[in-house]
Amino acid sequence: MQKYICDVCGYVYDPAQGDNAGEIKPGTPFESLPPDWICPLCGVGKENFSPID
């Protein structure tokens, strides 16, 4: 699955790990994150993330 990086702080969302703090289960693709999901490190929205090649 595609990983995404926060353009602001560098946090990497890895779908294989999910986001425990945001109650996102492992295996959740970035595209399936809720619209109000925010970066657990700096608090910006999904629009500030870019796919990692």
PDB file of N, CA and C in Angstrom:
ATOM      1  N   MET A   1       0.834  -1.196   0.000  1.00  0.00           N
ATOM      2  CA  MET A   1       0.000   0.000   0.000  1.00  0.00           C
ATOM      3  C   MET A   1       0.870   1.247   0.000  1.00  0.00           C
ATOM      4  N   GLN A   2       0.336   2.297  -0.575  1.00  0.00           N
ATOM      5  CA  GLN A   2       1.034   3.566  -0.742  1.00  0.00           C
ATOM      6  C   GLN A   2       1.211   4.288   0.588  1.00  0.00           C
ATOM      7  N   LYS A   3       2.431   4.728   0.870  1.00  0.00           N
ATOM      8  CA  LYS A   3       2.705   5.562   2.038  1.00  0.00           C
ATOM      9  C   LYS A   3       2.595   7.030   1.635  1.00  0.00           C
ATOM     10  N   TYR A   4       2.248   7.870   2.602  1.00  0.00           N
ATOM     11  CA  TYR A   4       2.129   9.312   2.372  1.00  0.00           C
ATOM     12  C   TYR A   4       2.946  10.046   3.421  1.00  0.00           C
ATOM     13  N   ILE A   5       3.532  11.186   3.005  1.00  0.00           N
ATOM     14  CA  ILE A   5       4.352  11.985   3.920  1.00  0.00           C
ATOM     15  C   ILE A   5       3.725  13.362   4.113  1.00  0.00           C
ATOM     16  N   CYS A   6       3.780  13.839   5.351  1.00  0.00           N
ATOM     17  CA  CYS A   6       3.288  15.185   5.667  1.00  0.00           C
ATOM     18  C   CYS A   6       4.288  16.197   5.120  1.00  0.00           C
ATOM     19  N   ASP A   7       3.796  17.111   4.282  1.00  0.00           N
ATOM     20  CA  ASP A   7       4.660  18.125   3.680  1.00  0.00           C
ATOM     21  C   ASP A   7       5.148  19.147   4.703  1.00  0.00           C
ATOM     22  N   VAL A   8       4.500  19.220   5.852  1.00  0.00           N
ATOM     23  CA  VAL A   8       4.852  20.206   6.873  1.00  0.00           C
ATOM     24  C   VAL A   8       5.921  19.685   7.835  1.00  0.00           C
ATOM     25  N   CYS A   9       5.699  18.465   8.382  1.00  0.00           N
ATOM     26  CA  CYS A   9       6.612  17.992   9.436  1.00  0.00           C
ATOM     27  C   CYS A   9       7.379  16.716   9.087  1.00  0.00           C
ATOM     28  N   GLY A  10       6.999  16.036   7.990  1.00  0.00           N
ATOM     29  CA  GLY A  10       7.729  14.841   7.590  1.00  0.00           C
ATOM     30  C   GLY A  10       7.182  13.534   8.144  1.00  0.00           C
ATOM     31  N   TYR A  11       6.062  13.584   8.893  1.00  0.00           N
ATOM     32  CA  TYR A  11       5.447  12.355   9.399  1.00  0.00           C
ATOM     33  C   TYR A  11       5.032  11.484   8.217  1.00  0.00           C
ATOM     34  N   VAL A  12       5.291  10.191   8.315  1.00  0.00           N
ATOM     35  CA  VAL A  12       4.907   9.256   7.262  1.00  0.00           C
ATOM     36  C   VAL A  12       3.722   8.424   7.730  1.00  0.00           C
ATOM     37  N   TYR A  13       2.620   8.498   6.970  1.00  0.00           N
ATOM     38  CA  TYR A  13       1.483   7.617   7.241  1.00  0.00           C
ATOM     39  C   TYR A  13       1.722   6.318   6.490  1.00  0.00           C
ATOM     40  N   ASP A  14       1.841   5.235   7.247  1.00  0.00           N
ATOM     41  CA  ASP A  14       2.056   3.902   6.691  1.00  0.00           C
ATOM     42  C   ASP A  14       0.765   3.107   6.903  1.00  0.00           C
ATOM     43  N   PRO A  15       0.053   2.796   5.810  1.00  0.00           N
ATOM     44  CA  PRO A  15      -1.209   2.066   5.953  1.00  0.00           C
ATOM     45  C   PRO A  15      -1.065   0.734   6.687  1.00  0.00           C
ATOM     46  N   ALA A  16       0.081   0.106   6.598  1.00  0.00           N
ATOM     47  CA  ALA A  16       0.296  -1.170   7.270  1.00  0.00           C
ATOM     48  C   ALA A  16       0.251  -1.006   8.793  1.00  0.00           C
ATOM     49  N   GLN A  17       0.588   0.200   9.277  1.00  0.00           N
ATOM     50  CA  GLN A  17       0.599   0.455  10.720  1.00  0.00           C
ATOM     51  C   GLN A  17      -0.637   1.205  11.194  1.00  0.00           C
ATOM     52  N   GLY A  18      -1.264   1.963  10.323  1.00  0.00           N
ATOM     53  CA  GLY A  18      -2.405   2.780  10.729  1.00  0.00           C
ATOM     54  C   GLY A  18      -1.960   3.936  11.611  1.00  0.00           C
ATOM     55  N   ASP A  19      -2.860   4.429  12.433  1.00  0.00           N
ATOM     56  CA  ASP A  19      -2.567   5.543  13.343  1.00  0.00           C
ATOM     57  C   ASP A  19      -3.296   5.277  14.659  1.00  0.00           C
ATOM     58  N   ASN A  20      -2.569   4.700  15.611  1.00  0.00           N
ATOM     59  CA  ASN A  20      -3.174   4.357  16.901  1.00  0.00           C
ATOM     60  C   ASN A  20      -3.781   5.566  17.590  1.00  0.00           C
ATOM     61  N   ALA A  21      -3.072   6.694  17.564  1.00  0.00           N
ATOM     62  CA  ALA A  21      -3.562   7.901  18.239  1.00  0.00           C
ATOM     63  C   ALA A  21      -4.874   8.375  17.632  1.00  0.00           C
ATOM     64  N   GLY A  22      -5.017   8.205  16.324  1.00  0.00           N
ATOM     65  CA  GLY A  22      -6.236   8.632  15.644  1.00  0.00           C
ATOM     66  C   GLY A  22      -7.263   7.518  15.505  1.00  0.00           C
ATOM     67  N   GLU A  23      -7.008   6.384  16.168  1.00  0.00           N
ATOM     68  CA  GLU A  23      -7.885   5.228  16.140  1.00  0.00           C
ATOM     69  C   GLU A  23      -8.129   4.709  14.717  1.00  0.00           C
ATOM     70  N   ILE A  24      -7.061   4.748  13.905  1.00  0.00           N
ATOM     71  CA  ILE A  24      -7.108   4.216  12.542  1.00  0.00           C
ATOM     72  C   ILE A  24      -6.452   2.843  12.556  1.00  0.00           C
ATOM     73  N   LYS A  25      -7.191   1.838  12.161  1.00  0.00           N
ATOM     74  CA  LYS A  25      -6.698   0.469  12.220  1.00  0.00           C
ATOM     75  C   LYS A  25      -5.641   0.195  11.157  1.00  0.00           C
ATOM     76  N   PRO A  26      -4.672  -0.684  11.465  1.00  0.00           N
ATOM     77  CA  PRO A  26      -3.708  -1.108  10.451  1.00  0.00           C
ATOM     78  C   PRO A  26      -4.437  -1.665   9.232  1.00  0.00           C
ATOM     79  N   GLY A  27      -3.885  -1.378   8.059  1.00  0.00           N
ATOM     80  CA  GLY A  27      -4.478  -1.837   6.811  1.00  0.00           C
ATOM     81  C   GLY A  27      -5.402  -0.809   6.170  1.00  0.00           C
ATOM     82  N   THR A  28      -5.541   0.374   6.799  1.00  0.00           N
ATOM     83  CA  THR A  28      -6.406   1.422   6.254  1.00  0.00           C
ATOM     84  C   THR A  28      -5.637   2.272   5.243  1.00  0.00           C
ATOM     85  N   PRO A  29      -6.033   2.242   3.961  1.00  0.00           N
ATOM     86  CA  PRO A  29      -5.347   3.079   2.971  1.00  0.00           C
ATOM     87  C   PRO A  29      -5.575   4.563   3.245  1.00  0.00           C
ATOM     88  N   PHE A  30      -4.623   5.381   2.832  1.00  0.00           N
ATOM     89  CA  PHE A  30      -4.715   6.826   3.048  1.00  0.00           C
ATOM     90  C   PHE A  30      -6.026   7.386   2.502  1.00  0.00           C
ATOM     91  N   GLU A  31      -6.438   6.910   1.334  1.00  0.00           N
ATOM     92  CA  GLU A  31      -7.647   7.400   0.693  1.00  0.00           C
ATOM     93  C   GLU A  31      -8.898   7.121   1.525  1.00  0.00           C
ATOM     94  N   SER A  32      -8.819   6.136   2.413  1.00  0.00           N
ATOM     95  CA  SER A  32      -9.965   5.769   3.242  1.00  0.00           C
ATOM     96  C   SER A  32      -9.979   6.458   4.607  1.00  0.00           C
ATOM     97  N   LEU A  33      -8.972   7.281   4.884  1.00  0.00           N
ATOM     98  CA  LEU A  33      -8.962   8.020   6.151  1.00  0.00           C
ATOM     99  C   LEU A  33     -10.131   9.000   6.163  1.00  0.00           C
ATOM    100  N   PRO A  34     -10.725   9.253   7.338  1.00  0.00           N
ATOM    101  CA  PRO A  34     -11.835  10.209   7.400  1.00  0.00           C
ATOM    102  C   PRO A  34     -11.388  11.600   6.934  1.00  0.00           C
ATOM    103  N   PRO A  35     -12.306  12.381   6.370  1.00  0.00           N
ATOM    104  CA  PRO A  35     -11.944  13.708   5.865  1.00  0.00           C
ATOM    105  C   PRO A  35     -11.377  14.639   6.930  1.00  0.00           C
ATOM    106  N   ASP A  36     -11.730  14.391   8.198  1.00  0.00           N
ATOM    107  CA  ASP A  36     -11.252  15.268   9.271  1.00  0.00           C
ATOM    108  C   ASP A  36     -10.002  14.727   9.964  1.00  0.00           C
ATOM    109  N   TRP A  37      -9.404  13.656   9.401  1.00  0.00           N
ATOM    110  CA  TRP A  37      -8.169  13.108   9.983  1.00  0.00           C
ATOM    111  C   TRP A  37      -7.060  14.151   9.870  1.00  0.00           C
ATOM    112  N   ILE A  38      -6.244  14.250  10.931  1.00  0.00           N
ATOM    113  CA  ILE A  38      -5.132  15.205  10.930  1.00  0.00           C
ATOM    114  C   ILE A  38      -3.827  14.490  11.248  1.00  0.00           C
ATOM    115  N   CYS A  39      -2.729  15.113  10.859  1.00  0.00           N
ATOM    116  CA  CYS A  39      -1.396  14.585  11.153  1.00  0.00           C
ATOM    117  C   CYS A  39      -1.223  14.487  12.667  1.00  0.00           C
ATOM    118  N   PRO A  40      -0.839  13.314  13.163  1.00  0.00           N
ATOM    119  CA  PRO A  40      -0.698  13.160  14.615  1.00  0.00           C
ATOM    120  C   PRO A  40       0.463  13.953  15.213  1.00  0.00           C
ATOM    121  N   LEU A  41       1.375  14.431  14.379  1.00  0.00           N
ATOM    122  CA  LEU A  41       2.504  15.199  14.912  1.00  0.00           C
ATOM    123  C   LEU A  41       2.277  16.705  14.873  1.00  0.00           C
ATOM    124  N   CYS A  42       1.763  17.221  13.752  1.00  0.00           N
ATOM    125  CA  CYS A  42       1.665  18.682  13.647  1.00  0.00           C
ATOM    126  C   CYS A  42       0.240  19.205  13.473  1.00  0.00           C
ATOM    127  N   GLY A  43      -0.727  18.311  13.243  1.00  0.00           N
ATOM    128  CA  GLY A  43      -2.122  18.722  13.227  1.00  0.00           C
ATOM    129  C   GLY A  43      -2.671  19.259  11.916  1.00  0.00           C
ATOM    130  N   VAL A  44      -1.933  19.164  10.814  1.00  0.00           N
ATOM    131  CA  VAL A  44      -2.469  19.629   9.533  1.00  0.00           C
ATOM    132  C   VAL A  44      -3.358  18.554   8.913  1.00  0.00           C
ATOM    133  N   GLY A  45      -4.178  18.949   7.945  1.00  0.00           N
ATOM    134  CA  GLY A  45      -5.115  18.031   7.316  1.00  0.00           C
ATOM    135  C   GLY A  45      -4.495  17.187   6.208  1.00  0.00           C
ATOM    136  N   LYS A  46      -5.309  16.270   5.678  1.00  0.00           N
ATOM    137  CA  LYS A  46      -4.875  15.331   4.640  1.00  0.00           C
ATOM    138  C   LYS A  46      -4.362  16.034   3.383  1.00  0.00           C
ATOM    139  N   GLU A  47      -4.859  17.254   3.120  1.00  0.00           N
ATOM    140  CA  GLU A  47      -4.448  17.978   1.913  1.00  0.00           C
ATOM    141  C   GLU A  47      -2.974  18.361   1.933  1.00  0.00           C
ATOM    142  N   ASN A  48      -2.344  18.251   3.090  1.00  0.00           N
ATOM    143  CA  ASN A  48      -0.912  18.574   3.227  1.00  0.00           C
ATOM    144  C   ASN A  48      -0.023  17.338   3.159  1.00  0.00           C
ATOM    145  N   PHE A  49      -0.532  16.245   2.645  1.00  0.00           N
ATOM    146  CA  PHE A  49       0.234  15.007   2.495  1.00  0.00           C
ATOM    147  C   PHE A  49       0.475  14.704   1.031  1.00  0.00           C
ATOM    148  N   SER A  50       1.614  14.100   0.737  1.00  0.00           N
ATOM    149  CA  SER A  50       1.971  13.706  -0.625  1.00  0.00           C
ATOM    150  C   SER A  50       2.366  12.245  -0.641  1.00  0.00           C
ATOM    151  N   PRO A  51       2.053  11.543  -1.744  1.00  0.00           N
ATOM    152  CA  PRO A  51       2.469  10.137  -1.840  1.00  0.00           C
ATOM    153  C   PRO A  51       3.987  10.031  -1.904  1.00  0.00           C
ATOM    154  N   ILE A  52       4.509   8.967  -1.328  1.00  0.00           N
ATOM    155  CA  ILE A  52       5.950   8.687  -1.386  1.00  0.00           C
ATOM    156  C   ILE A  52       6.169   7.740  -2.552  1.00  0.00           C
ATOM    157  N   ASP A  53       7.095   8.094  -3.411  1.00  0.00           N
ATOM    158  CA  ASP A  53       7.410   7.245  -4.574  1.00  0.00           C
ATOM    159  C   ASP A  53       8.195   6.020  -4.175  1.00  0.00           C
TER     160      ASP A  53
END
